[in-house]
């Protein structure tokens, strides 16, 4: 089971929603039921340069693809933070 904790932060261009994940998904895909996306939604992971790929899953959830890393290049060993911008339900 993957535990995820959400938090928000007001920024100059809107509110960002952060998801803190303490278990790396086995298939490198994280299914999120709460975020409501828009055409301009952007998802990044703290410590990773490139944005993460995401898609709508069965019109009811957001599927976020985690990047593949060799163990020695992981941005962290204990928790990973994804940042979601331009959500409808910020």
N, C-alpha and C. Protein backbone atom coordinates (compact mmCIF):
# COMPACT_ATOMS: atom_id res chain seq x y z
N UNK A 1 0.83 -1.17 0.00
CA UNK A 1 0.00 0.00 0.00
C UNK A 1 0.89 1.24 0.00
N UNK A 2 0.48 2.23 -0.76
CA UNK A 2 1.23 3.48 -0.84
C UNK A 2 0.50 4.54 -0.04
N UNK A 3 1.23 5.21 0.83
CA UNK A 3 0.67 6.30 1.60
C UNK A 3 1.07 7.62 0.97
N UNK A 4 0.10 8.50 0.87
CA UNK A 4 0.32 9.80 0.23
C UNK A 4 -0.30 10.87 1.11
N UNK A 5 0.44 11.91 1.33
CA UNK A 5 -0.04 13.04 2.12
C UNK A 5 -0.01 14.27 1.23
N UNK A 6 -1.12 15.01 1.19
CA UNK A 6 -1.22 16.22 0.37
C UNK A 6 -1.02 17.45 1.23
N UNK A 7 -0.43 18.48 0.63
CA UNK A 7 -0.33 19.80 1.25
C UNK A 7 -0.36 20.83 0.11
N UNK A 8 -0.65 22.05 0.41
CA UNK A 8 -0.69 23.10 -0.61
C UNK A 8 0.19 24.27 -0.22
N UNK A 9 0.54 25.05 -1.24
CA UNK A 9 1.34 26.26 -1.00
C UNK A 9 0.92 27.30 -2.03
N UNK A 10 0.60 28.49 -1.56
CA UNK A 10 0.28 29.59 -2.47
C UNK A 10 1.56 30.12 -3.06
N UNK A 11 1.58 30.24 -4.38
CA UNK A 11 2.76 30.75 -5.09
C UNK A 11 2.34 31.93 -5.95
N UNK A 12 3.28 32.59 -6.57
CA UNK A 12 2.99 33.78 -7.36
C UNK A 12 2.00 33.51 -8.50
N UNK A 13 2.08 32.33 -9.11
CA UNK A 13 1.22 32.02 -10.25
C UNK A 13 0.06 31.10 -9.88
N UNK A 14 -0.28 30.97 -8.61
CA UNK A 14 -1.40 30.14 -8.18
C UNK A 14 -1.02 29.27 -6.99
N UNK A 15 -1.82 28.27 -6.77
CA UNK A 15 -1.57 27.35 -5.66
C UNK A 15 -1.02 26.04 -6.19
N UNK A 16 0.03 25.56 -5.58
CA UNK A 16 0.60 24.26 -5.94
C UNK A 16 0.16 23.23 -4.91
N UNK A 17 -0.12 22.03 -5.38
CA UNK A 17 -0.47 20.93 -4.49
C UNK A 17 0.71 19.97 -4.50
N UNK A 18 1.15 19.60 -3.30
CA UNK A 18 2.27 18.68 -3.15
C UNK A 18 1.76 17.36 -2.61
N UNK A 19 2.25 16.27 -3.18
CA UNK A 19 1.94 14.94 -2.68
C UNK A 19 3.22 14.30 -2.19
N UNK A 20 3.24 13.90 -0.94
CA UNK A 20 4.43 13.28 -0.35
C UNK A 20 4.19 11.78 -0.29
N UNK A 21 5.06 11.03 -0.98
CA UNK A 21 4.92 9.58 -1.11
C UNK A 21 6.05 8.92 -0.32
N UNK A 22 5.72 7.97 0.54
CA UNK A 22 6.75 7.32 1.35
C UNK A 22 7.11 5.92 0.85
N UNK A 23 6.40 5.44 -0.17
CA UNK A 23 6.71 4.15 -0.77
C UNK A 23 6.75 4.32 -2.28
N UNK A 24 7.86 3.94 -2.90
CA UNK A 24 7.98 4.03 -4.35
C UNK A 24 7.03 3.01 -4.99
N UNK A 25 6.20 3.43 -5.95
CA UNK A 25 5.28 2.49 -6.57
C UNK A 25 6.02 1.37 -7.31
N UNK A 26 5.57 0.11 -7.12
CA UNK A 26 6.26 -1.03 -7.71
C UNK A 26 6.33 -0.96 -9.23
N UNK A 27 5.29 -0.48 -9.86
CA UNK A 27 5.30 -0.40 -11.33
C UNK A 27 5.65 1.01 -11.82
N UNK A 28 6.17 1.84 -10.93
CA UNK A 28 6.55 3.23 -11.22
C UNK A 28 5.35 4.10 -11.63
N UNK A 29 4.14 3.68 -11.27
CA UNK A 29 2.94 4.44 -11.59
C UNK A 29 2.12 4.64 -10.33
N UNK A 30 1.74 5.89 -10.11
CA UNK A 30 0.98 6.27 -8.93
C UNK A 30 -0.41 6.72 -9.37
N UNK A 31 -1.44 6.09 -8.85
CA UNK A 31 -2.82 6.41 -9.18
C UNK A 31 -3.38 7.32 -8.09
N UNK A 32 -3.81 8.52 -8.49
CA UNK A 32 -4.32 9.52 -7.54
C UNK A 32 -5.79 9.81 -7.85
N UNK A 33 -6.65 9.68 -6.87
CA UNK A 33 -8.06 9.92 -7.08
C UNK A 33 -8.51 11.33 -6.77
N UNK A 34 -7.74 12.12 -6.05
CA UNK A 34 -8.19 13.44 -5.63
C UNK A 34 -7.90 14.58 -6.59
N UNK A 35 -6.74 14.67 -7.21
CA UNK A 35 -6.50 15.82 -8.09
C UNK A 35 -7.42 15.83 -9.30
N UNK A 36 -7.97 17.02 -9.60
CA UNK A 36 -8.77 17.21 -10.80
C UNK A 36 -7.92 18.03 -11.76
N UNK A 37 -7.53 17.43 -12.88
CA UNK A 37 -6.58 18.06 -13.80
C UNK A 37 -7.24 19.02 -14.77
N UNK A 38 -6.40 19.83 -15.42
CA UNK A 38 -6.81 20.71 -16.50
C UNK A 38 -5.87 20.45 -17.68
N UNK A 39 -6.11 21.13 -18.77
CA UNK A 39 -5.24 20.98 -19.94
C UNK A 39 -3.83 21.51 -19.67
N UNK A 40 -3.68 22.35 -18.65
CA UNK A 40 -2.37 22.94 -18.36
C UNK A 40 -1.73 22.38 -17.09
N UNK A 41 -2.26 21.30 -16.56
CA UNK A 41 -1.68 20.70 -15.35
C UNK A 41 -0.24 20.26 -15.62
N UNK A 42 0.62 20.57 -14.68
CA UNK A 42 2.03 20.19 -14.77
C UNK A 42 2.40 19.45 -13.49
N UNK A 43 3.12 18.32 -13.66
CA UNK A 43 3.53 17.51 -12.51
C UNK A 43 5.05 17.37 -12.55
N UNK A 44 5.69 17.68 -11.44
CA UNK A 44 7.14 17.53 -11.32
C UNK A 44 7.45 16.80 -10.02
N UNK A 45 8.68 16.31 -9.91
CA UNK A 45 9.15 15.69 -8.68
C UNK A 45 10.32 16.51 -8.17
N UNK A 46 10.30 16.86 -6.90
CA UNK A 46 11.41 17.62 -6.35
C UNK A 46 12.70 16.84 -6.51
N UNK A 47 13.73 17.49 -7.01
CA UNK A 47 15.02 16.86 -7.24
C UNK A 47 15.18 16.26 -8.62
N UNK A 48 14.13 16.37 -9.46
CA UNK A 48 14.17 15.82 -10.82
C UNK A 48 13.95 16.96 -11.81
N UNK A 49 14.79 17.06 -12.83
CA UNK A 49 14.73 18.19 -13.76
C UNK A 49 13.52 18.15 -14.70
N UNK A 50 13.22 16.99 -15.25
CA UNK A 50 12.15 16.87 -16.25
C UNK A 50 10.78 16.71 -15.59
N UNK A 51 9.73 17.29 -16.19
CA UNK A 51 8.37 17.07 -15.69
C UNK A 51 8.00 15.58 -15.79
N UNK A 52 7.10 15.15 -14.93
CA UNK A 52 6.64 13.77 -14.97
C UNK A 52 5.50 13.62 -15.96
N UNK A 53 5.42 12.45 -16.58
CA UNK A 53 4.29 12.16 -17.47
C UNK A 53 3.09 11.78 -16.60
N UNK A 54 1.92 12.21 -17.05
CA UNK A 54 0.70 11.86 -16.34
C UNK A 54 -0.42 11.72 -17.36
N UNK A 55 -1.47 11.03 -16.97
CA UNK A 55 -2.63 10.86 -17.85
C UNK A 55 -3.88 10.68 -16.99
N UNK A 56 -5.03 10.77 -17.64
CA UNK A 56 -6.30 10.54 -16.97
C UNK A 56 -6.57 9.04 -17.02
N UNK A 57 -6.95 8.46 -15.90
CA UNK A 57 -7.21 7.02 -15.80
C UNK A 57 -8.71 6.80 -15.65
N UNK A 58 -9.33 6.20 -16.66
CA UNK A 58 -10.75 5.84 -16.65
C UNK A 58 -11.67 7.00 -16.26
N UNK A 59 -11.29 8.20 -16.64
CA UNK A 59 -12.06 9.42 -16.37
C UNK A 59 -12.33 9.69 -14.89
N UNK A 60 -11.63 9.03 -13.99
CA UNK A 60 -11.88 9.25 -12.57
C UNK A 60 -10.62 9.48 -11.74
N UNK A 61 -9.47 9.32 -12.33
CA UNK A 61 -8.24 9.43 -11.54
C UNK A 61 -7.10 9.97 -12.40
N UNK A 62 -6.03 10.31 -11.74
CA UNK A 62 -4.81 10.80 -12.40
C UNK A 62 -3.73 9.74 -12.21
N UNK A 63 -3.10 9.34 -13.29
CA UNK A 63 -2.04 8.34 -13.24
C UNK A 63 -0.71 9.05 -13.50
N UNK A 64 0.17 9.05 -12.52
CA UNK A 64 1.47 9.74 -12.61
C UNK A 64 2.55 8.68 -12.77
N UNK A 65 3.40 8.87 -13.79
CA UNK A 65 4.51 7.94 -14.02
C UNK A 65 5.77 8.47 -13.34
N UNK A 66 6.29 7.68 -12.42
CA UNK A 66 7.54 8.04 -11.75
C UNK A 66 8.71 7.73 -12.68
N UNK A 67 9.77 8.53 -12.62
CA UNK A 67 10.94 8.27 -13.46
C UNK A 67 11.69 7.02 -13.00
N UNK A 68 12.43 6.43 -13.93
CA UNK A 68 13.28 5.29 -13.60
C UNK A 68 14.65 5.81 -13.21
N UNK A 69 15.13 5.37 -12.07
CA UNK A 69 16.43 5.78 -11.56
C UNK A 69 17.24 4.57 -11.14
N UNK A 70 18.55 4.60 -11.36
CA UNK A 70 19.39 3.63 -10.65
C UNK A 70 19.36 4.01 -9.17
N UNK A 71 19.47 3.04 -8.28
CA UNK A 71 19.37 3.35 -6.85
C UNK A 71 20.31 4.46 -6.37
N UNK A 72 21.49 4.57 -6.93
CA UNK A 72 22.44 5.60 -6.47
C UNK A 72 22.11 7.00 -6.99
N UNK A 73 21.11 7.13 -7.86
CA UNK A 73 20.74 8.45 -8.39
C UNK A 73 19.38 8.93 -7.90
N UNK A 74 18.77 8.20 -6.97
CA UNK A 74 17.47 8.60 -6.43
C UNK A 74 17.60 9.96 -5.75
N UNK A 75 16.63 10.86 -5.94
CA UNK A 75 16.71 12.16 -5.26
C UNK A 75 16.61 12.03 -3.74
N UNK A 76 16.03 10.95 -3.25
CA UNK A 76 15.91 10.71 -1.81
C UNK A 76 15.68 9.22 -1.59
N UNK A 77 15.97 8.72 -0.41
CA UNK A 77 15.78 7.30 -0.10
C UNK A 77 14.51 7.01 0.69
N UNK A 78 13.90 8.03 1.31
CA UNK A 78 12.82 7.78 2.26
C UNK A 78 11.46 8.31 1.82
N UNK A 79 11.43 9.38 1.05
CA UNK A 79 10.16 9.96 0.62
C UNK A 79 10.40 10.77 -0.66
N UNK A 80 9.35 10.88 -1.48
CA UNK A 80 9.44 11.61 -2.73
C UNK A 80 8.27 12.57 -2.79
N UNK A 81 8.52 13.75 -3.32
CA UNK A 81 7.50 14.79 -3.35
C UNK A 81 7.17 15.13 -4.79
N UNK A 82 5.89 15.01 -5.13
CA UNK A 82 5.45 15.45 -6.46
C UNK A 82 4.70 16.76 -6.29
N UNK A 83 4.94 17.65 -7.23
CA UNK A 83 4.32 18.97 -7.22
C UNK A 83 3.35 19.03 -8.39
N UNK A 84 2.10 19.37 -8.10
CA UNK A 84 1.07 19.47 -9.14
C UNK A 84 0.61 20.92 -9.24
N UNK A 85 0.69 21.45 -10.44
CA UNK A 85 0.29 22.84 -10.67
C UNK A 85 -0.86 22.88 -11.66
N UNK A 86 -1.67 23.91 -11.58
CA UNK A 86 -2.80 24.13 -12.47
C UNK A 86 -3.85 23.02 -12.37
N UNK A 87 -4.22 22.67 -11.15
CA UNK A 87 -5.32 21.75 -10.92
C UNK A 87 -6.62 22.55 -10.76
N UNK A 88 -7.74 21.92 -11.08
CA UNK A 88 -9.03 22.59 -10.87
C UNK A 88 -9.34 22.73 -9.38
N UNK A 89 -8.98 21.74 -8.60
CA UNK A 89 -9.33 21.73 -7.18
C UNK A 89 -8.13 22.06 -6.28
N UNK A 90 -7.49 23.17 -6.57
CA UNK A 90 -6.35 23.61 -5.75
C UNK A 90 -6.92 24.19 -4.50
